[in-house]
């Protein structure tokens, strides 16, 4: 609802601007000349072109940021997987170490009994 009200207000302001700027001007683009164009159309068209260009630049920056974040998320996921693998390997080595200690203690006891 607030958006609708904002559009109505902007429309009224544009209409007021258009009624107060009815002088005609000419525009030359490359070698083409457009004459008898109302000043409000020149200004509002320039504003529209500026808004579209800023939107495209913003969209490009947003896509670039999303790709960067995605790459970092992939790297974080790979790093977490590496940490998990190393944790499992540490656990296996601790179990093997304990197994070897008990085996060594058994061998020492066997030697003492001889």
PDB file of N, CA and C in Angstrom:
ATOM      1  N   UNK A   1       0.820  -1.188   0.000  1.00  0.00           N
ATOM      2  CA  UNK A   1       0.000   0.000   0.000  1.00  0.00           C
ATOM      3  C   UNK A   1       0.870   1.260   0.000  1.00  0.00           C
ATOM      4  N   UNK A   2       1.958   1.223   0.779  1.00  0.00           N
ATOM      5  CA  UNK A   2       2.842   2.386   0.837  1.00  0.00           C
ATOM      6  C   UNK A   2       3.494   2.609  -0.529  1.00  0.00           C
ATOM      7  N   UNK A   3       3.824   1.525  -1.226  1.00  0.00           N
ATOM      8  CA  UNK A   3       4.421   1.641  -2.547  1.00  0.00           C
ATOM      9  C   UNK A   3       3.461   2.313  -3.522  1.00  0.00           C
ATOM     10  N   UNK A   4       2.197   1.951  -3.467  1.00  0.00           N
ATOM     11  CA  UNK A   4       1.189   2.565  -4.330  1.00  0.00           C
ATOM     12  C   UNK A   4       1.085   4.062  -4.057  1.00  0.00           C
ATOM     13  N   UNK A   5       1.068   4.435  -2.796  1.00  0.00           N
ATOM     14  CA  UNK A   5       1.006   5.858  -2.428  1.00  0.00           C
ATOM     15  C   UNK A   5       2.249   6.588  -2.936  1.00  0.00           C
ATOM     16  N   UNK A   6       3.406   5.964  -2.805  1.00  0.00           N
ATOM     17  CA  UNK A   6       4.643   6.584  -3.281  1.00  0.00           C
ATOM     18  C   UNK A   6       4.594   6.776  -4.797  1.00  0.00           C
ATOM     19  N   UNK A   7       4.083   5.798  -5.545  1.00  0.00           N
ATOM     20  CA  UNK A   7       3.971   5.938  -6.991  1.00  0.00           C
ATOM     21  C   UNK A   7       3.005   7.057  -7.375  1.00  0.00           C
ATOM     22  N   UNK A   8       1.913   7.184  -6.656  1.00  0.00           N
ATOM     23  CA  UNK A   8       0.947   8.253  -6.938  1.00  0.00           C
ATOM     24  C   UNK A   8       1.598   9.611  -6.684  1.00  0.00           C
ATOM     25  N   UNK A   9       2.316   9.750  -5.586  1.00  0.00           N
ATOM     26  CA  UNK A   9       2.973  11.022  -5.269  1.00  0.00           C
ATOM     27  C   UNK A   9       4.023  11.359  -6.330  1.00  0.00           C
ATOM     28  N   UNK A  10       4.832  10.382  -6.720  1.00  0.00           N
ATOM     29  CA  UNK A  10       5.838  10.611  -7.760  1.00  0.00           C
ATOM     30  C   UNK A  10       5.152  10.966  -9.087  1.00  0.00           C
ATOM     31  N   UNK A  11       4.040  10.334  -9.402  1.00  0.00           N
ATOM     32  CA  UNK A  11       3.294  10.655 -10.622  1.00  0.00           C
ATOM     33  C   UNK A  11       2.769  12.077 -10.606  1.00  0.00           C
ATOM     34  N   UNK A  12       2.251  12.500  -9.464  1.00  0.00           N
ATOM     35  CA  UNK A  12       1.751  13.876  -9.347  1.00  0.00           C
ATOM     36  C   UNK A  12       2.900  14.869  -9.501  1.00  0.00           C
ATOM     37  N   UNK A  13       4.038  14.571  -8.869  1.00  0.00           N
ATOM     38  CA  UNK A  13       5.201  15.457  -8.999  1.00  0.00           C
ATOM     39  C   UNK A  13       5.690  15.517 -10.442  1.00  0.00           C
ATOM     40  N   UNK A  14       5.688  14.385 -11.140  1.00  0.00           N
ATOM     41  CA  UNK A  14       6.094  14.368 -12.547  1.00  0.00           C
ATOM     42  C   UNK A  14       5.121  15.170 -13.399  1.00  0.00           C
ATOM     43  N   UNK A  15       3.849  15.078 -13.108  1.00  0.00           N
ATOM     44  CA  UNK A  15       2.848  15.846 -13.859  1.00  0.00           C
ATOM     45  C   UNK A  15       3.033  17.343 -13.624  1.00  0.00           C
ATOM     46  N   UNK A  16       3.278  17.729 -12.387  1.00  0.00           N
ATOM     47  CA  UNK A  16       3.536  19.145 -12.091  1.00  0.00           C
ATOM     48  C   UNK A  16       4.785  19.631 -12.819  1.00  0.00           C
ATOM     49  N   UNK A  17       5.827  18.826 -12.796  1.00  0.00           N
ATOM     50  CA  UNK A  17       7.067  19.170 -13.475  1.00  0.00           C
ATOM     51  C   UNK A  17       6.818  19.338 -14.977  1.00  0.00           C
ATOM     52  N   UNK A  18       6.018  18.433 -15.544  1.00  0.00           N
ATOM     53  CA  UNK A  18       5.746  18.481 -16.980  1.00  0.00           C
ATOM     54  C   UNK A  18       4.946  19.720 -17.367  1.00  0.00           C
ATOM     55  N   UNK A  19       3.977  20.105 -16.541  1.00  0.00           N
ATOM     56  CA  UNK A  19       3.165  21.281 -16.882  1.00  0.00           C
ATOM     57  C   UNK A  19       3.952  22.575 -16.729  1.00  0.00           C
ATOM     58  N   UNK A  20       4.977  22.592 -15.894  1.00  0.00           N
ATOM     59  CA  UNK A  20       5.755  23.816 -15.690  1.00  0.00           C
ATOM     60  C   UNK A  20       6.938  23.927 -16.652  1.00  0.00           C
ATOM     61  N   UNK A  21       7.295  22.850 -17.339  1.00  0.00           N
ATOM     62  CA  UNK A  21       8.441  22.855 -18.255  1.00  0.00           C
ATOM     63  C   UNK A  21       8.006  22.442 -19.654  1.00  0.00           C
ATOM     64  N   UNK A  22       7.218  23.309 -20.284  1.00  0.00           N
ATOM     65  CA  UNK A  22       6.693  22.978 -21.609  1.00  0.00           C
ATOM     66  C   UNK A  22       7.518  23.579 -22.744  1.00  0.00           C
ATOM     67  N   UNK A  23       8.624  24.254 -22.430  1.00  0.00           N
ATOM     68  CA  UNK A  23       9.482  24.791 -23.479  1.00  0.00           C
ATOM     69  C   UNK A  23      10.025  23.652 -24.324  1.00  0.00           C
ATOM     70  N   UNK A  24      10.322  23.949 -25.562  1.00  0.00           N
ATOM     71  CA  UNK A  24      10.828  22.915 -26.457  1.00  0.00           C
ATOM     72  C   UNK A  24      12.333  23.083 -26.637  1.00  0.00           C
ATOM     73  N   UNK A  25      12.988  21.984 -26.833  1.00  0.00           N
ATOM     74  CA  UNK A  25      14.425  22.007 -27.058  1.00  0.00           C
ATOM     75  C   UNK A  25      14.781  21.007 -28.139  1.00  0.00           C
ATOM     76  N   UNK A  26      16.050  20.968 -28.458  1.00  0.00           N
ATOM     77  CA  UNK A  26      16.494  20.002 -29.460  1.00  0.00           C
ATOM     78  C   UNK A  26      17.657  19.200 -28.877  1.00  0.00           C
ATOM     79  N   UNK A  27      17.762  17.968 -29.363  1.00  0.00           N
ATOM     80  CA  UNK A  27      18.818  17.065 -28.904  1.00  0.00           C
ATOM     81  C   UNK A  27      19.554  16.573 -30.147  1.00  0.00           C
ATOM     82  N   UNK A  28      20.884  16.563 -30.055  1.00  0.00           N
ATOM     83  CA  UNK A  28      21.696  16.018 -31.139  1.00  0.00           C
ATOM     84  C   UNK A  28      22.430  14.805 -30.604  1.00  0.00           C
ATOM     85  N   UNK A  29      22.187  13.652 -31.229  1.00  0.00           N
ATOM     86  CA  UNK A  29      22.865  12.414 -30.875  1.00  0.00           C
ATOM     87  C   UNK A  29      23.605  11.957 -32.117  1.00  0.00           C
ATOM     88  N   UNK A  30      24.918  11.935 -32.021  1.00  0.00           N
ATOM     89  CA  UNK A  30      25.801  11.662 -33.160  1.00  0.00           C
ATOM     90  C   UNK A  30      25.498  12.698 -34.241  1.00  0.00           C
ATOM     91  N   UNK A  31      24.992  12.301 -35.389  1.00  0.00           N
ATOM     92  CA  UNK A  31      24.679  13.279 -36.439  1.00  0.00           C
ATOM     93  C   UNK A  31      23.169  13.483 -36.600  1.00  0.00           C
ATOM     94  N   UNK A  32      22.386  12.892 -35.709  1.00  0.00           N
ATOM     95  CA  UNK A  32      20.933  13.021 -35.778  1.00  0.00           C
ATOM     96  C   UNK A  32      20.479  14.121 -34.831  1.00  0.00           C
ATOM     97  N   UNK A  33      19.594  14.985 -35.296  1.00  0.00           N
ATOM     98  CA  UNK A  33      19.063  16.067 -34.475  1.00  0.00           C
ATOM     99  C   UNK A  33      17.570  15.871 -34.314  1.00  0.00           C
ATOM    100  N   UNK A  34      17.135  15.886 -33.078  1.00  0.00           N
ATOM    101  CA  UNK A  34      15.714  15.796 -32.766  1.00  0.00           C
ATOM    102  C   UNK A  34      15.278  17.168 -32.274  1.00  0.00           C
ATOM    103  N   UNK A  35      14.267  17.740 -32.920  1.00  0.00           N
ATOM    104  CA  UNK A  35      13.833  19.088 -32.558  1.00  0.00           C
ATOM    105  C   UNK A  35      12.434  19.059 -31.968  1.00  0.00           C
ATOM    106  N   UNK A  36      12.087  20.146 -31.340  1.00  0.00           N
ATOM    107  CA  UNK A  36      10.756  20.367 -30.737  1.00  0.00           C
ATOM    108  C   UNK A  36      10.388  19.277 -29.743  1.00  0.00           C
ATOM    109  N   UNK A  37      11.327  18.935 -28.888  1.00  0.00           N
ATOM    110  CA  UNK A  37      11.055  17.976 -27.823  1.00  0.00           C
ATOM    111  C   UNK A  37      10.800  18.762 -26.545  1.00  0.00           C
ATOM    112  N   UNK A  38       9.689  18.492 -25.860  1.00  0.00           N
ATOM    113  CA  UNK A  38       9.409  19.221 -24.620  1.00  0.00           C
ATOM    114  C   UNK A  38      10.514  18.987 -23.581  1.00  0.00           C
ATOM    115  N   UNK A  39      10.827  20.024 -22.845  1.00  0.00           N
ATOM    116  CA  UNK A  39      11.915  19.973 -21.877  1.00  0.00           C
ATOM    117  C   UNK A  39      11.673  18.907 -20.804  1.00  0.00           C
ATOM    118  N   UNK A  40      10.439  18.712 -20.383  1.00  0.00           N
ATOM    119  CA  UNK A  40      10.164  17.712 -19.359  1.00  0.00           C
ATOM    120  C   UNK A  40      10.496  16.309 -19.856  1.00  0.00           C
ATOM    121  N   UNK A  41      10.283  16.044 -21.149  1.00  0.00           N
ATOM    122  CA  UNK A  41      10.646  14.732 -21.694  1.00  0.00           C
ATOM    123  C   UNK A  41      12.154  14.549 -21.710  1.00  0.00           C
ATOM    124  N   UNK A  42      12.891  15.607 -22.020  1.00  0.00           N
ATOM    125  CA  UNK A  42      14.348  15.521 -22.019  1.00  0.00           C
ATOM    126  C   UNK A  42      14.853  15.202 -20.617  1.00  0.00           C
ATOM    127  N   UNK A  43      14.329  15.920 -19.622  1.00  0.00           N
ATOM    128  CA  UNK A  43      14.789  15.726 -18.241  1.00  0.00           C
ATOM    129  C   UNK A  43      14.374  14.353 -17.710  1.00  0.00           C
ATOM    130  N   UNK A  44      13.113  13.982 -17.905  1.00  0.00           N
ATOM    131  CA  UNK A  44      12.633  12.699 -17.375  1.00  0.00           C
ATOM    132  C   UNK A  44      13.285  11.511 -18.087  1.00  0.00           C
ATOM    133  N   UNK A  45      13.564  11.653 -19.378  1.00  0.00           N
ATOM    134  CA  UNK A  45      14.253  10.581 -20.099  1.00  0.00           C
ATOM    135  C   UNK A  45      15.686  10.437 -19.595  1.00  0.00           C
ATOM    136  N   UNK A  46      16.349  11.564 -19.351  1.00  0.00           N
ATOM    137  CA  UNK A  46      17.700  11.516 -18.784  1.00  0.00           C
ATOM    138  C   UNK A  46      17.689  10.850 -17.415  1.00  0.00           C
ATOM    139  N   UNK A  47      16.695  11.187 -16.603  1.00  0.00           N
ATOM    140  CA  UNK A  47      16.564  10.573 -15.282  1.00  0.00           C
ATOM    141  C   UNK A  47      16.343   9.068 -15.417  1.00  0.00           C
ATOM    142  N   UNK A  48      15.493   8.664 -16.328  1.00  0.00           N
ATOM    143  CA  UNK A  48      15.217   7.239 -16.535  1.00  0.00           C
ATOM    144  C   UNK A  48      16.467   6.491 -17.011  1.00  0.00           C
ATOM    145  N   UNK A  49      17.204   7.076 -17.925  1.00  0.00           N
ATOM    146  CA  UNK A  49      18.435   6.440 -18.409  1.00  0.00           C
ATOM    147  C   UNK A  49      19.443   6.300 -17.272  1.00  0.00           C
ATOM    148  N   UNK A  50      19.571   7.344 -16.443  1.00  0.00           N
ATOM    149  CA  UNK A  50      20.473   7.277 -15.292  1.00  0.00           C
ATOM    150  C   UNK A  50      20.071   6.190 -14.313  1.00  0.00           C
ATOM    151  N   UNK A  51      18.769   6.064 -14.058  1.00  0.00           N
ATOM    152  CA  UNK A  51      18.289   5.024 -13.144  1.00  0.00           C
ATOM    153  C   UNK A  51      18.555   3.624 -13.699  1.00  0.00           C
ATOM    154  N   UNK A  52      18.329   3.437 -14.992  1.00  0.00           N
ATOM    155  CA  UNK A  52      18.566   2.124 -15.607  1.00  0.00           C
ATOM    156  C   UNK A  52      20.048   1.771 -15.554  1.00  0.00           C
ATOM    157  N   UNK A  53      20.918   2.745 -15.878  1.00  0.00           N
ATOM    158  CA  UNK A  53      22.355   2.481 -15.827  1.00  0.00           C
ATOM    159  C   UNK A  53      22.822   2.174 -14.407  1.00  0.00           C
ATOM    160  N   UNK A  54      22.320   2.909 -13.429  1.00  0.00           N
ATOM    161  CA  UNK A  54      22.726   2.629 -12.047  1.00  0.00           C
ATOM    162  C   UNK A  54      22.207   1.265 -11.592  1.00  0.00           C
ATOM    163  N   UNK A  55      21.011   0.869 -12.058  1.00  0.00           N
ATOM    164  CA  UNK A  55      20.494  -0.453 -11.738  1.00  0.00           C
ATOM    165  C   UNK A  55      21.383  -1.544 -12.332  1.00  0.00           C
ATOM    166  N   UNK A  56      21.806  -1.354 -13.591  1.00  0.00           N
ATOM    167  CA  UNK A  56      22.662  -2.354 -14.236  1.00  0.00           C
ATOM    168  C   UNK A  56      24.010  -2.469 -13.530  1.00  0.00           C
ATOM    169  N   UNK A  57      24.584  -1.343 -13.131  1.00  0.00           N
ATOM    170  CA  UNK A  57      25.853  -1.379 -12.396  1.00  0.00           C
ATOM    171  C   UNK A  57      25.661  -2.073 -11.058  1.00  0.00           C
ATOM    172  N   UNK A  58      24.577  -1.759 -10.378  1.00  0.00           N
ATOM    173  CA  UNK A  58      24.281  -2.403  -9.096  1.00  0.00           C
ATOM    174  C   UNK A  58      24.066  -3.904  -9.270  1.00  0.00           C
ATOM    175  N   UNK A  59      23.388  -4.286 -10.333  1.00  0.00           N
ATOM    176  CA  UNK A  59      23.147  -5.700 -10.614  1.00  0.00           C
ATOM    177  C   UNK A  59      24.466  -6.422 -10.876  1.00  0.00           C
ATOM    178  N   UNK A  60      25.359  -5.797 -11.639  1.00  0.00           N
ATOM    179  CA  UNK A  60      26.666  -6.380 -11.910  1.00  0.00           C
ATOM    180  C   UNK A  60      27.447  -6.571 -10.610  1.00  0.00           C
ATOM    181  N   UNK A  61      27.440  -5.548  -9.746  1.00  0.00           N
ATOM    182  CA  UNK A  61      28.136  -5.658  -8.457  1.00  0.00           C
ATOM    183  C   UNK A  61      27.524  -6.751  -7.589  1.00  0.00           C
ATOM    184  N   UNK A  62      26.215  -6.862  -7.608  1.00  0.00           N
ATOM    185  CA  UNK A  62      25.531  -7.885  -6.817  1.00  0.00           C
ATOM    186  C   UNK A  62      25.893  -9.290  -7.299  1.00  0.00           C
ATOM    187  N   UNK A  63      25.903  -9.485  -8.604  1.00  0.00           N
ATOM    188  CA  UNK A  63      26.265 -10.795  -9.161  1.00  0.00           C
ATOM    189  C   UNK A  63      27.713 -11.122  -8.838  1.00  0.00           C
ATOM    190  N   UNK A  64      28.580 -10.126  -8.964  1.00  0.00           N
ATOM    191  CA  UNK A  64      29.997 -10.331  -8.654  1.00  0.00           C
ATOM    192  C   UNK A  64      30.182 -10.721  -7.186  1.00  0.00           C
ATOM    193  N   UNK A  65      29.479 -10.036  -6.303  1.00  0.00           N
ATOM    194  CA  UNK A  65      29.563 -10.359  -4.873  1.00  0.00           C
ATOM    195  C   UNK A  65      29.023 -11.755  -4.584  1.00  0.00           C
ATOM    196  N   UNK A  66      27.936 -12.120  -5.249  1.00  0.00           N
ATOM    197  CA  UNK A  66      27.362 -13.454  -5.043  1.00  0.00           C
ATOM    198  C   UNK A  66      28.327 -14.542  -5.485  1.00  0.00           C
ATOM    199  N   UNK A  67      29.005 -14.326  -6.607  1.00  0.00           N
ATOM    200  CA  UNK A  67      29.974 -15.315  -7.077  1.00  0.00           C
ATOM    201  C   UNK A  67      31.160 -15.420  -6.119  1.00  0.00           C
ATOM    202  N   UNK A  68      31.597 -14.283  -5.596  1.00  0.00           N
ATOM    203  CA  UNK A  68      32.704 -14.290  -4.638  1.00  0.00           C
ATOM    204  C   UNK A  68      32.308 -15.039  -3.365  1.00  0.00           C
ATOM    205  N   UNK A  69      31.122 -14.757  -2.862  1.00  0.00           N
ATOM    206  CA  UNK A  69      30.640 -15.422  -1.639  1.00  0.00           C
ATOM    207  C   UNK A  69      30.471 -16.914  -1.890  1.00  0.00           C
ATOM    208  N   UNK A  70      29.960 -17.278  -3.066  1.00  0.00           N
ATOM    209  CA  UNK A  70      29.793 -18.706  -3.383  1.00  0.00           C
ATOM    210  C   UNK A  70      31.145 -19.411  -3.387  1.00  0.00           C
ATOM    211  N   UNK A  71      32.145 -18.768  -3.979  1.00  0.00           N
ATOM    212  CA  UNK A  71      33.483 -19.359  -4.005  1.00  0.00           C
ATOM    213  C   UNK A  71      34.043 -19.542  -2.606  1.00  0.00           C
ATOM    214  N   UNK A  72      33.824 -18.563  -1.751  1.00  0.00           N
ATOM    215  CA  UNK A  72      34.311 -18.666  -0.373  1.00  0.00           C
ATOM    216  C   UNK A  72      33.549 -19.742   0.393  1.00  0.00           C
ATOM    217  N   UNK A  73      32.247 -19.872   0.139  1.00  0.00           N
ATOM    218  CA  UNK A  73      31.467 -20.924   0.797  1.00  0.00           C
ATOM    219  C   UNK A  73      31.953 -22.308   0.379  1.00  0.00           C
ATOM    220  N   UNK A  74      32.297 -22.466  -0.890  1.00  0.00           N
ATOM    221  CA  UNK A  74      32.833 -23.746  -1.364  1.00  0.00           C
ATOM    222  C   UNK A  74      34.153 -24.044  -0.661  1.00  0.00           C
ATOM    223  N   UNK A  75      35.006 -23.023  -0.549  1.00  0.00           N
ATOM    224  CA  UNK A  75      36.305 -23.209   0.109  1.00  0.00           C
ATOM    225  C   UNK A  75      36.106 -23.569   1.587  1.00  0.00           C
ATOM    226  N   UNK A  76      35.159 -22.929   2.256  1.00  0.00           N
ATOM    227  CA  UNK A  76      34.865 -23.248   3.660  1.00  0.00           C
ATOM    228  C   UNK A  76      34.381 -24.687   3.780  1.00  0.00           C
ATOM    229  N   UNK A  77      33.519 -25.107   2.864  1.00  0.00           N
ATOM    230  CA  UNK A  77      33.003 -26.485   2.900  1.00  0.00           C
ATOM    231  C   UNK A  77      34.136 -27.485   2.715  1.00  0.00           C
ATOM    232  N   UNK A  78      35.049 -27.194   1.773  1.00  0.00           N
ATOM    233  CA  UNK A  78      36.189 -28.089   1.564  1.00  0.00           C
ATOM    234  C   UNK A  78      37.072 -28.138   2.809  1.00  0.00           C
ATOM    235  N   UNK A  79      37.288 -26.998   3.432  1.00  0.00           N
ATOM    236  CA  UNK A  79      38.126 -26.938   4.630  1.00  0.00           C
ATOM    237  C   UNK A  79      37.488 -27.702   5.779  1.00  0.00           C
ATOM    238  N   UNK A  80      36.179 -27.580   5.946  1.00  0.00           N
ATOM    239  CA  UNK A  80      35.483 -28.331   6.990  1.00  0.00           C
ATOM    240  C   UNK A  80      35.608 -29.829   6.747  1.00  0.00           C
ATOM    241  N   UNK A  81      35.500 -30.241   5.485  1.00  0.00           N
ATOM    242  CA  UNK A  81      35.646 -31.663   5.156  1.00  0.00           C
ATOM    243  C   UNK A  81      37.052 -32.133   5.488  1.00  0.00           C
ATOM    244  N   UNK A  82      38.059 -31.315   5.188  1.00  0.00           N
ATOM    245  CA  UNK A  82      39.444 -31.664   5.512  1.00  0.00           C
ATOM    246  C   UNK A  82      39.621 -31.797   7.020  1.00  0.00           C
ATOM    247  N   UNK A  83      39.042 -30.871   7.780  1.00  0.00           N
ATOM    248  CA  UNK A  83      39.128 -30.939   9.246  1.00  0.00           C
ATOM    249  C   UNK A  83      38.468 -32.209   9.754  1.00  0.00           C
ATOM    250  N   UNK A  84      37.300 -32.556   9.218  1.00  0.00           N
ATOM    251  CA  UNK A  84      36.621 -33.788   9.632  1.00  0.00           C
ATOM    252  C   UNK A  84      37.466 -35.022   9.309  1.00  0.00           C
ATOM    253  N   UNK A  85      38.050 -35.036   8.108  1.00  0.00           N
ATOM    254  CA  UNK A  85      38.901 -36.175   7.733  1.00  0.00           C
ATOM    255  C   UNK A  85      40.111 -36.287   8.662  1.00  0.00           C
ATOM    256  N   UNK A  86      40.726 -35.160   8.971  1.00  0.00           N
ATOM    257  CA  UNK A  86      41.896 -35.180   9.857  1.00  0.00           C
ATOM    258  C   UNK A  86      41.509 -35.591  11.282  1.00  0.00           C
ATOM    259  N   UNK A  87      40.328 -35.163  11.729  1.00  0.00           N
ATOM    260  CA  UNK A  87      39.862 -35.565  13.058  1.00  0.00           C
ATOM    261  C   UNK A  87      39.657 -37.077  13.114  1.00  0.00           C
ATOM    262  N   UNK A  88      39.066 -37.638  12.064  1.00  0.00           N
ATOM    263  CA  UNK A  88      38.888 -39.089  12.006  1.00  0.00           C
ATOM    264  C   UNK A  88      40.237 -39.797  12.009  1.00  0.00           C
ATOM    265  N   UNK A  89      41.187 -39.258  11.242  1.00  0.00           N
ATOM    266  CA  UNK A  89      42.523 -39.871  11.181  1.00  0.00           C
ATOM    267  C   UNK A  89      43.203 -39.804  12.540  1.00  0.00           C
ATOM    268  N   UNK A  90      43.062 -38.671  13.247  1.00  0.00           N
ATOM    269  CA  UNK A  90      43.637 -38.543  14.597  1.00  0.00           C
ATOM    270  C   UNK A  90      43.031 -39.590  15.523  1.00  0.00           C
ATOM    271  N   UNK A  91      41.725 -39.767  15.451  1.00  0.00           N
ATOM    272  CA  UNK A  91      41.054 -40.755  16.291  1.00  0.00           C
ATOM    273  C   UNK A  91      41.580 -42.167  15.990  1.00  0.00           C
ATOM    274  N   UNK A  92      41.739 -42.465  14.691  1.00  0.00           N
ATOM    275  CA  UNK A  92      42.261 -43.780  14.317  1.00  0.00           C
ATOM    276  C   UNK A  92      43.688 -43.969  14.848  1.00  0.00           C
ATOM    277  N   UNK A  93      44.498 -42.933  14.746  1.00  0.00           N
ATOM    278  CA  UNK A  93      45.872 -43.037  15.234  1.00  0.00           C
ATOM    279  C   UNK A  93      45.922 -43.179  16.758  1.00  0.00           C
ATOM    280  N   UNK A  94      45.016 -42.486  17.464  1.00  0.00           N
ATOM    281  CA  UNK A  94      44.959 -42.640  18.921  1.00  0.00           C
ATOM    282  C   UNK A  94      44.575 -44.064  19.298  1.00  0.00           C
ATOM    283  N   UNK A  95      43.605 -44.630  18.575  1.00  0.00           N
ATOM    284  CA  UNK A  95      43.212 -46.014  18.847  1.00  0.00           C
ATOM    285  C   UNK A  95      44.370 -46.966  18.553  1.00  0.00           C
ATOM    286  N   UNK A  96      45.062 -46.735  17.451  1.00  0.00           N
ATOM    287  CA  UNK A  96      46.198 -47.573  17.110  1.00  0.00           C
ATOM    288  C   UNK A  96      47.305 -47.421  18.154  1.00  0.00           C
ATOM    289  N   UNK A  97      47.520 -46.222  18.629  1.00  0.00           N
ATOM    290  CA  UNK A  97      48.528 -45.964  19.658  1.00  0.00           C
ATOM    291  C   UNK A  97      48.191 -46.712  20.947  1.00  0.00           C
ATOM    292  N   UNK A  98      46.933 -46.640  21.349  1.00  0.00           N
ATOM    293  CA  UNK A  98      46.516 -47.366  22.555  1.00  0.00           C
ATOM    294  C   UNK A  98      46.664 -48.870  22.361  1.00  0.00           C
ATOM    295  N   UNK A  99      46.313 -49.349  21.192  1.00  0.00           N
ATOM    296  CA  UNK A  99      46.444 -50.770  20.893  1.00  0.00           C
ATOM    297  C   UNK A  99      47.912 -51.197  20.981  1.00  0.00           C
ATOM    298  N   UNK A 100      48.799 -50.382  20.426  1.00  0.00           N
ATOM    299  CA  UNK A 100      50.225 -50.707  20.472  1.00  0.00           C
ATOM    300  C   UNK A 100      50.771 -50.641  21.903  1.00  0.00           C
ATOM    301  N   UNK A 101      50.268 -49.705  22.699  1.00  0.00           N
ATOM    302  CA  UNK A 101      50.706 -49.609  24.100  1.00  0.00           C
ATOM    303  C   UNK A 101      50.311 -50.863  24.877  1.00  0.00           C
ATOM    304  N   UNK A 102      49.067 -51.286  24.686  1.00  0.00           N
ATOM    305  CA  UNK A 102      48.632 -52.491  25.398  1.00  0.00           C
ATOM    306  C   UNK A 102      49.387 -53.713  24.910  1.00  0.00           C
ATOM    307  N   UNK A 103      49.691 -53.781  23.636  1.00  0.00           N
ATOM    308  CA  UNK A 103      50.455 -54.882  23.082  1.00  0.00           C
ATOM    309  C   UNK A 103      51.875 -54.877  23.657  1.00  0.00           C
ATOM    310  N   UNK A 104      52.459 -53.659  23.753  1.00  0.00           N
ATOM    311  CA  UNK A 104      53.815 -53.523  24.293  1.00  0.00           C
ATOM    312  C   UNK A 104      53.845 -53.893  25.770  1.00  0.00           C
ATOM    313  N   UNK A 105      52.836 -53.478  26.504  1.00  0.00           N
ATOM    314  CA  UNK A 105      52.776 -53.831  27.929  1.00  0.00           C
ATOM    315  C   UNK A 105      52.644 -55.343  28.104  1.00  0.00           C
ATOM    316  N   UNK A 106      51.872 -55.970  27.249  1.00  0.00           N
ATOM    317  CA  UNK A 106      51.732 -57.436  27.299  1.00  0.00           C
ATOM    318  C   UNK A 106      53.050 -58.120  26.997  1.00  0.00           C
ATOM    319  N   UNK A 107      53.803 -57.562  26.047  1.00  0.00           N
ATOM    320  CA  UNK A 107      55.100 -58.140  25.695  1.00  0.00           C
ATOM    321  C   UNK A 107      56.074 -57.954  26.853  1.00  0.00           C
ATOM    322  N   UNK A 108      56.042 -56.824  27.539  1.00  0.00           N
ATOM    323  CA  UNK A 108      56.925 -56.588  28.678  1.00  0.00           C
ATOM    324  C   UNK A 108      56.605 -57.552  29.817  1.00  0.00           C
ATOM    325  N   UNK A 109      55.328 -57.776  30.025  1.00  0.00           N
ATOM    326  CA  UNK A 109      54.936 -58.698  31.091  1.00  0.00           C
ATOM    327  C   UNK A 109      55.392 -60.104  30.747  1.00  0.00           C
ATOM    328  N   UNK A 110      55.279 -60.501  29.488  1.00  0.00           N
ATOM    329  CA  UNK A 110      55.745 -61.830  29.064  1.00  0.00           C
ATOM    330  C   UNK A 110      57.254 -61.974  29.265  1.00  0.00           C
ATOM    331  N   UNK A 111      58.030 -60.928  28.987  1.00  0.00           N
ATOM    332  CA  UNK A 111      59.460 -60.970  29.146  1.00  0.00           C
ATOM    333  C   UNK A 111      59.857 -61.078  30.625  1.00  0.00           C
ATOM    334  N   UNK A 112      59.111 -60.368  31.464  1.00  0.00           N
ATOM    335  CA  UNK A 112      59.410 -60.410  32.902  1.00  0.00           C
ATOM    336  C   UNK A 112      59.120 -61.774  33.496  1.00  0.00           C
ATOM    337  N   UNK A 113      58.119 -62.424  32.996  1.00  0.00           N
ATOM    338  CA  UNK A 113      57.785 -63.719  33.532  1.00  0.00           C
ATOM    339  C   UNK A 113      58.778 -64.802  33.101  1.00  0.00           C
ATOM    340  N   UNK A 114      59.546 -64.556  32.117  1.00  0.00           N
ATOM    341  CA  UNK A 114      60.537 -65.537  31.658  1.00  0.00           C
ATOM    342  C   UNK A 114      61.690 -65.521  32.534  1.00  0.00           C
TER     343      UNK A 114
END
